[in-house]
Amino acid sequence: MKITKRPFGTLADGTAVSCWTMENAHGLRAELLDYGATIRSVQVPDRAGRLIDVVLGYDDLAGYAGNPSFYGATIGRFGNRIGKGLFTLDGKEYQLTINNGENHLHGGPGGFECRVWDARETTTPEGNPAVAMSYRSADGEEGYPGNLDITVTYSLTPDNGLVIDYEATTDAPTIVNPTSHVYYNLHGTSEKSTDSHLLTIYASGFTPTDAGLIPTGEILPVEGTPLDFRTPHAIGERIGRTDYEPLAFGNGYDHNWVLATKGDISVPAVTLESPISGIKLTVYTDEPGIQVYSGNFLDGTQTGKNGKVYQQRTGICLESQHYPDSPNKPEWPSVILEPGQTYTSHCIFKFDTVK
């Protein structure tokens, strides 16, 4: 495996941004930006052995600096939505910035995706070369309490896995729920939507929401609904079922599934497969949930890599996470981090090919 670094432009304030490239011996190549701790590109072999890029993004820094759809970014402090941006911790109410209707989304308008991270080359405990990116989110940033020090470490495995390890500490009680907001299109081209991708989600329940996509607090079974992906289904097969209220609210799939994996990272949580390229992606995570977002709000107004316009459903996000609005649902797995504790989260995106 090898890691290289190159300049990727300069922000308006003069801050230089770098692109880090990781390659293994089996054809997996990932490009990372220290702006937003972003996954810019993942190139993998298709069934014919051709190396293709399966990640949406931009050709230059200007695209990422005005990134309204979080392409490839690390999201935080809290991935997904918090109702009205309000939560109470240790008897004190906190108001976060509002940036999604009346709600707080993905850490706010000044979230992790638009920060420059300190990047360095390192090695994983398994001995694999890695790139670690660190950022201090100051007390009060976007309304969050406590100084949060977070590190996201990217590495590749010999069997074509892209590993993301999160670690964070705080000096005051706070909440934390970072995730990776990569849009995958395993066809290797945004000219074809992801509707024909075969999706499997190892989950028997999901968290329904109101019209603002804030969870109601229930956990409902997927059985008998268009959200049942316990066996493979094409994404486009049932996505138009607007008679089913959760699909109408999300304008397609934009839901949190309650994983049956129960934190066991050795067990697949999600699989995604392109019948065109033969590329199969398997997601492993120790998180209790995963948000599957089918790119419903992409609308052809954004031009990405190679001048390609990103239309609706040309990419799908698989966001490992605690459940949305968890700070206001004490019965759900906790997102509270206390001083003296260390937050950790792990996710593996493993690529294979099928005939």
Protein backbone atom coordinates (compact mmCIF):
# COMPACT_ATOMS: atom_id res chain seq x y z
CA MET A 1 0.00 0.00 0.00
CA LYS A 2 1.12 3.55 -0.58
CA ILE A 3 0.00 7.06 0.33
CA THR A 4 0.77 10.25 -1.61
CA LYS A 5 -0.17 13.90 -1.14
CA ARG A 6 -0.71 16.75 -3.59
CA PRO A 7 -2.06 20.32 -3.47
CA PHE A 8 -5.78 20.72 -4.16
CA GLY A 9 -6.16 24.49 -4.16
CA THR A 10 -6.47 27.39 -1.76
CA LEU A 11 -9.51 28.76 0.06
CA ALA A 12 -10.52 32.42 -0.08
CA ASP A 13 -8.75 33.06 3.25
CA GLY A 14 -5.49 31.66 1.88
CA THR A 15 -5.66 28.25 3.58
CA ALA A 16 -4.10 25.53 1.45
CA VAL A 17 -6.00 22.26 0.97
CA SER A 18 -4.37 18.94 0.11
CA CYS A 19 -5.55 15.75 -1.55
CA TRP A 20 -4.27 12.49 -0.09
CA THR A 21 -4.31 9.34 -2.22
CA MET A 22 -4.27 5.83 -0.77
CA GLU A 23 -3.71 2.77 -2.97
CA ASN A 24 -3.48 -0.93 -2.21
CA ALA A 25 -2.10 -3.75 -4.33
CA HIS A 26 -5.50 -4.98 -5.51
CA GLY A 27 -6.83 -2.00 -7.44
CA LEU A 28 -8.53 0.04 -4.71
CA ARG A 29 -7.65 3.74 -4.81
CA ALA A 30 -9.18 6.42 -2.57
CA GLU A 31 -8.67 10.19 -2.66
CA LEU A 32 -9.24 12.23 0.50
CA LEU A 33 -9.37 15.98 1.09
CA ASP A 34 -8.38 17.60 4.37
CA TYR A 35 -11.19 20.07 3.62
CA GLY A 36 -14.20 18.49 5.33
CA ALA A 37 -12.26 15.23 5.87
CA THR A 38 -13.87 14.39 2.54
CA ILE A 39 -13.79 11.22 0.46
CA ARG A 40 -13.38 12.70 -3.02
CA SER A 41 -12.96 9.52 -5.05
CA VAL A 42 -13.01 5.75 -4.68
CA GLN A 43 -11.78 3.81 -7.70
CA VAL A 44 -12.37 0.07 -7.78
CA PRO A 45 -12.13 -2.64 -10.45
CA ASP A 46 -15.37 -3.61 -12.20
CA ARG A 47 -16.12 -7.18 -13.34
CA ALA A 48 -13.93 -6.64 -16.44
CA GLY A 49 -11.03 -5.37 -14.33
CA ARG A 50 -11.45 -1.74 -15.40
CA LEU A 51 -10.81 0.82 -12.67
CA ILE A 52 -13.86 3.09 -12.23
CA ASP A 53 -14.76 5.87 -9.79
CA VAL A 54 -17.90 5.05 -7.79
CA VAL A 55 -18.18 8.31 -5.79
CA LEU A 56 -19.84 11.62 -6.73
CA GLY A 57 -17.97 14.86 -6.12
CA TYR A 58 -16.22 17.81 -7.74
CA ASP A 59 -13.15 18.42 -9.86
CA ASP A 60 -11.90 21.38 -7.84
CA LEU A 61 -11.91 22.96 -4.39
CA ALA A 62 -14.44 25.61 -5.40
CA GLY A 63 -17.06 22.91 -5.78
CA TYR A 64 -16.47 21.55 -2.30
CA ALA A 65 -16.31 25.02 -0.75
CA GLY A 66 -19.87 25.61 -1.94
CA ASN A 67 -21.04 22.04 -1.33
CA PRO A 68 -24.79 22.17 -0.59
CA SER A 69 -25.27 18.40 -0.72
CA PHE A 70 -22.32 17.31 1.48
CA TYR A 71 -20.64 15.26 -1.26
CA GLY A 72 -18.18 12.88 0.39
CA ALA A 73 -17.89 14.92 3.58
CA THR A 74 -17.49 13.96 7.22
CA ILE A 75 -20.65 15.18 8.96
CA GLY A 76 -20.85 16.48 12.51
CA ARG A 77 -21.07 17.09 15.30
CA PHE A 78 -24.43 15.42 14.77
CA GLY A 79 -25.26 13.61 11.55
CA ASN A 80 -28.89 13.85 10.47
CA ARG A 81 -31.62 15.98 12.06
CA ILE A 82 -32.42 17.38 15.49
CA GLY A 83 -35.97 18.66 15.85
CA LYS A 84 -36.10 22.48 16.01
CA GLY A 85 -32.38 22.33 16.84
CA LEU A 86 -33.24 21.94 20.52
CA PHE A 87 -32.06 19.45 23.12
CA THR A 88 -31.58 19.39 26.89
CA LEU A 89 -28.43 18.11 28.57
CA ASP A 90 -27.93 18.03 32.34
CA GLY A 91 -31.00 20.22 32.78
CA LYS A 92 -29.81 22.94 30.39
CA GLU A 93 -31.48 23.58 27.03
CA TYR A 94 -29.28 24.17 24.00
CA GLN A 95 -30.34 25.86 20.77
CA LEU A 96 -28.43 24.75 17.71
CA THR A 97 -28.37 26.63 14.41
CA ILE A 98 -31.34 25.98 12.12
CA ASN A 99 -30.55 25.06 8.52
CA ASN A 100 -33.25 22.63 7.35
CA GLY A 101 -36.70 24.15 7.57
CA GLU A 102 -37.26 24.54 11.30
CA ASN A 103 -34.68 21.86 12.14
CA HIS A 104 -30.93 21.38 12.58
CA LEU A 105 -29.28 19.16 9.95
CA HIS A 106 -25.79 17.61 9.75
CA GLY A 107 -24.12 19.85 12.33
CA GLY A 108 -25.43 23.14 10.95
CA PRO A 109 -24.27 25.46 8.16
CA GLY A 110 -20.76 25.62 9.67
CA GLY A 111 -20.44 21.91 10.29
CA PHE A 112 -17.45 19.61 9.85
CA GLU A 113 -17.85 19.52 6.06
CA CYS A 114 -16.60 23.11 5.65
CA ARG A 115 -13.66 22.96 8.08
CA VAL A 116 -10.01 22.36 7.26
CA TRP A 117 -8.72 19.36 9.20
CA ASP A 118 -5.15 18.65 10.31
CA ALA A 119 -4.06 15.58 8.30
CA ARG A 120 -1.13 13.28 8.82
CA GLU A 121 0.07 9.89 7.68
CA THR A 122 -0.13 7.16 10.30
CA THR A 123 -0.55 3.39 10.74
CA THR A 124 -3.53 1.37 11.97
CA PRO A 125 -3.19 -1.17 14.82
CA GLU A 126 -3.30 -3.84 12.09
CA GLY A 127 -0.24 -2.27 10.48
CA ASN A 128 -1.96 -0.73 7.45
CA PRO A 129 -0.91 2.74 6.27
CA ALA A 130 -3.57 5.34 7.04
CA VAL A 131 -4.43 9.03 6.91
CA ALA A 132 -5.68 10.57 10.17
CA MET A 133 -7.56 13.88 10.07
CA SER A 134 -8.18 15.85 13.27
CA TYR A 135 -10.31 18.86 14.12
CA ARG A 136 -11.21 20.79 17.28
CA SER A 137 -14.84 21.89 17.31
CA ALA A 138 -14.83 24.80 19.73
CA ASP A 139 -17.28 25.22 22.59
CA GLY A 140 -20.38 26.96 21.20
CA GLU A 141 -19.71 26.12 17.56
CA GLU A 142 -23.13 25.85 15.88
CA GLY A 143 -24.55 25.92 19.42
CA TYR A 144 -22.92 22.72 20.70
CA PRO A 145 -21.45 22.69 24.22
CA GLY A 146 -17.87 21.71 25.02
CA ASN A 147 -14.64 21.65 23.07
CA LEU A 148 -14.75 18.47 21.00
CA ASP A 149 -11.53 16.96 19.65
CA ILE A 150 -12.28 14.49 16.87
CA THR A 151 -10.07 12.36 14.65
CA VAL A 152 -11.24 10.47 11.56
CA THR A 153 -8.79 7.84 10.30
CA TYR A 154 -9.01 6.39 6.80
CA SER A 155 -7.25 3.19 5.77
CA LEU A 156 -7.46 0.43 3.16
CA THR A 157 -7.45 -3.30 3.79
CA PRO A 158 -5.74 -5.86 1.54
CA ASP A 159 -9.17 -7.26 0.56
CA ASN A 160 -10.41 -3.90 -0.82
CA GLY A 161 -12.08 -2.44 2.24
CA LEU A 162 -12.16 1.29 2.93
CA VAL A 163 -12.14 1.68 6.71
CA ILE A 164 -13.33 4.77 8.60
CA ASP A 165 -12.51 5.01 12.31
CA TYR A 166 -13.86 7.87 14.42
CA GLU A 167 -12.54 8.91 17.85
CA ALA A 168 -13.54 11.94 19.92
CA THR A 169 -13.14 13.44 23.40
CA THR A 170 -14.68 16.46 25.09
CA ASP A 171 -14.01 18.78 28.05
CA ALA A 172 -17.73 19.23 28.85
CA PRO A 173 -20.86 17.08 28.39
CA THR A 174 -21.93 17.20 24.76
CA ILE A 175 -23.54 15.13 22.01
CA VAL A 176 -21.72 13.52 19.09
CA ASN A 177 -22.88 11.46 16.11
CA PRO A 178 -20.56 11.89 13.08
CA THR A 179 -21.01 10.04 9.81
CA SER A 180 -19.71 9.87 6.25
CA HIS A 181 -21.88 11.42 3.53
CA VAL A 182 -20.49 9.74 0.41
CA TYR A 183 -22.79 9.40 -2.60
CA TYR A 184 -22.12 6.05 -4.28
CA ASN A 185 -22.99 5.13 -7.85
CA LEU A 186 -21.57 1.67 -8.50
CA HIS A 187 -22.24 1.95 -12.23
CA GLY A 188 -19.27 4.31 -12.31
CA THR A 189 -21.22 7.00 -14.10
CA SER A 190 -23.81 9.53 -12.99
CA GLU A 191 -25.45 9.29 -16.42
CA LYS A 192 -27.30 6.24 -15.07
CA SER A 193 -29.36 6.52 -11.88
CA THR A 194 -28.97 4.14 -8.96
CA ASP A 195 -32.53 2.84 -9.44
CA SER A 196 -31.25 -0.48 -10.80
CA HIS A 197 -28.82 -1.00 -7.89
CA LEU A 198 -29.78 -4.01 -5.79
CA LEU A 199 -30.03 -3.02 -2.13
CA THR A 200 -30.13 -5.27 0.94
CA ILE A 201 -30.51 -3.83 4.45
CA TYR A 202 -30.20 -6.20 7.39
CA ALA A 203 -32.87 -4.54 9.50
CA SER A 204 -36.37 -5.52 10.54
CA GLY A 205 -37.35 -2.07 11.84
CA PHE A 206 -37.09 1.63 11.02
CA THR A 207 -37.79 4.95 12.73
CA PRO A 208 -40.78 6.68 11.04
CA THR A 209 -40.80 10.47 10.87
CA ASP A 210 -43.16 13.39 10.58
CA ALA A 211 -43.33 15.50 7.42
CA GLY A 212 -40.18 17.39 8.55
CA LEU A 213 -38.28 14.07 8.71
CA ILE A 214 -38.02 14.17 12.52
CA PRO A 215 -38.58 10.72 14.09
CA THR A 216 -41.84 10.23 15.94
CA GLY A 217 -40.10 8.03 18.53
CA GLU A 218 -41.63 4.79 17.24
CA ILE A 219 -39.77 1.84 15.80
CA LEU A 220 -41.99 0.14 13.23
CA PRO A 221 -41.49 -3.16 11.39
CA VAL A 222 -40.43 -3.03 7.74
CA GLU A 223 -42.35 -6.21 6.96
CA GLY A 224 -45.01 -5.64 4.33
CA THR A 225 -43.72 -2.14 3.45
CA PRO A 226 -41.58 -0.69 0.64
CA LEU A 227 -38.83 -0.32 3.28
CA ASP A 228 -38.34 -4.07 3.57
CA PHE A 229 -34.92 -4.76 2.06
CA ARG A 230 -34.12 -7.87 4.09
CA THR A 231 -33.89 -9.57 0.69
CA PRO A 232 -32.41 -7.73 -2.33
CA HIS A 233 -34.63 -5.29 -4.21
CA ALA A 234 -33.84 -2.76 -6.91
CA ILE A 235 -33.91 0.73 -5.40
CA GLY A 236 -36.32 1.94 -8.07
CA GLU A 237 -38.70 -0.99 -7.70
CA ARG A 238 -40.90 0.57 -4.98
CA ILE A 239 -39.50 4.07 -4.54
CA GLY A 240 -42.47 5.66 -6.30
CA ARG A 241 -44.97 4.32 -3.77
CA THR A 242 -46.06 7.78 -2.64
CA ASP A 243 -49.26 6.23 -1.26
CA TYR A 244 -46.96 4.99 1.54
CA GLU A 245 -46.56 8.01 3.83
CA PRO A 246 -42.88 7.53 4.81
CA LEU A 247 -41.89 7.49 1.14
CA ALA A 248 -44.01 10.57 0.44
CA PHE A 249 -42.38 12.44 3.35
CA GLY A 250 -38.85 11.55 2.16
CA ASN A 251 -39.53 12.04 -1.54
CA GLY A 252 -38.07 8.53 -1.79
CA TYR A 253 -35.75 6.69 0.57
CA ASP A 254 -34.37 8.96 3.29
CA HIS A 255 -34.86 6.83 6.38
CA ASN A 256 -33.04 5.40 9.37
CA TRP A 257 -33.10 1.61 9.58
CA VAL A 258 -32.61 -0.06 12.98
CA LEU A 259 -29.90 -2.58 12.20
CA ALA A 260 -30.21 -6.21 13.26
CA THR A 261 -26.42 -6.42 13.53
CA LYS A 262 -26.50 -5.13 17.14
CA GLY A 263 -23.08 -3.47 16.93
CA ASP A 264 -21.27 -6.51 15.51
CA ILE A 265 -18.93 -5.08 12.87
CA SER A 266 -18.14 -8.56 11.54
CA VAL A 267 -21.71 -8.92 10.24
CA PRO A 268 -22.89 -7.17 7.04
CA ALA A 269 -25.28 -4.28 7.64
CA VAL A 270 -26.00 -3.31 4.02
CA THR A 271 -25.09 -4.57 0.57
CA LEU A 272 -25.37 -2.60 -2.67
CA GLU A 273 -24.76 -4.05 -6.12
CA SER A 274 -24.65 -2.69 -9.68
CA PRO A 275 -25.89 -5.13 -12.33
CA ILE A 276 -24.02 -3.04 -14.93
CA SER A 277 -20.49 -2.93 -13.48
CA GLY A 278 -20.73 -6.02 -11.29
CA ILE A 279 -19.37 -4.04 -8.34
CA LYS A 280 -20.76 -5.02 -4.96
CA LEU A 281 -20.37 -2.88 -1.84
CA THR A 282 -20.82 -4.38 1.62
CA VAL A 283 -21.10 -2.07 4.64
CA TYR A 284 -20.04 -3.14 8.12
CA THR A 285 -20.57 -0.90 11.15
CA ASP A 286 -20.80 -1.01 14.93
CA GLU A 287 -23.44 1.75 14.87
CA PRO A 288 -27.07 0.86 15.75
CA GLY A 289 -28.57 2.46 12.65
CA ILE A 290 -27.97 3.45 9.06
CA GLN A 291 -29.55 6.25 7.07
CA VAL A 292 -30.11 5.31 3.45
CA TYR A 293 -30.63 8.42 1.31
CA SER A 294 -31.35 7.83 -2.36
CA GLY A 295 -30.40 11.30 -3.61
CA ASN A 296 -34.01 12.43 -3.84
CA PHE A 297 -33.20 16.13 -3.60
CA LEU A 298 -30.49 16.17 -6.27
CA ASP A 299 -32.14 18.20 -9.00
CA GLY A 300 -29.76 18.82 -11.88
CA THR A 301 -28.52 22.18 -10.57
CA GLN A 302 -25.08 20.86 -9.55
CA THR A 303 -22.28 20.01 -11.95
CA GLY A 304 -19.80 17.49 -10.61
CA LYS A 305 -16.72 15.63 -11.82
CA ASN A 306 -15.94 15.70 -15.51
CA GLY A 307 -18.69 18.23 -16.12
CA LYS A 308 -21.45 15.74 -15.31
CA VAL A 309 -24.75 17.15 -14.04
CA TYR A 310 -26.08 15.31 -11.00
CA GLN A 311 -29.75 14.52 -11.53
CA GLN A 312 -32.16 13.05 -9.00
CA ARG A 313 -31.10 9.64 -7.66
CA THR A 314 -27.71 9.53 -9.36
CA GLY A 315 -26.07 8.68 -6.04
CA ILE A 316 -27.02 6.90 -2.81
CA CYS A 317 -25.68 7.59 0.70
CA LEU A 318 -25.20 4.87 3.32
CA GLU A 319 -24.70 6.79 6.58
CA SER A 320 -23.83 4.70 9.65
CA GLN A 321 -25.19 6.50 12.70
CA HIS A 322 -27.14 6.68 15.91
CA TYR A 323 -30.77 7.47 15.22
CA PRO A 324 -31.88 10.97 14.14
CA ASP A 325 -33.09 13.28 16.94
CA SER A 326 -31.63 10.89 19.53
CA PRO A 327 -30.89 13.72 22.03
CA ASN A 328 -34.68 14.10 22.37
CA LYS A 329 -35.38 10.37 22.59
CA PRO A 330 -33.80 9.19 25.88
CA GLU A 331 -35.08 5.65 25.34
CA TRP A 332 -32.84 5.29 22.27
CA PRO A 333 -29.07 4.57 22.28
CA SER A 334 -27.33 7.55 23.86
CA VAL A 335 -25.31 10.11 21.89
CA ILE A 336 -24.01 11.86 25.03
CA LEU A 337 -20.24 12.12 25.50
CA GLU A 338 -18.87 13.04 28.92
CA PRO A 339 -15.41 14.35 29.87
CA GLY A 340 -13.08 11.43 30.48
CA GLN A 341 -14.89 9.23 27.97
CA THR A 342 -13.72 8.45 24.44
CA TYR A 343 -16.25 8.18 21.64
CA THR A 344 -15.43 5.60 18.98
CA SER A 345 -17.22 4.42 15.86
CA HIS A 346 -16.08 2.14 13.06
CA CYS A 347 -17.30 1.49 9.53
CA ILE A 348 -15.96 -0.60 6.64
CA PHE A 349 -16.97 -0.21 2.99
CA LYS A 350 -15.78 -3.39 1.27
CA PHE A 351 -15.77 -3.73 -2.51
CA ASP A 352 -16.05 -6.96 -4.51
CA THR A 353 -17.26 -7.96 -7.96
CA VAL A 354 -19.97 -10.42 -8.93
CA LYS A 355 -20.44 -12.12 -12.29
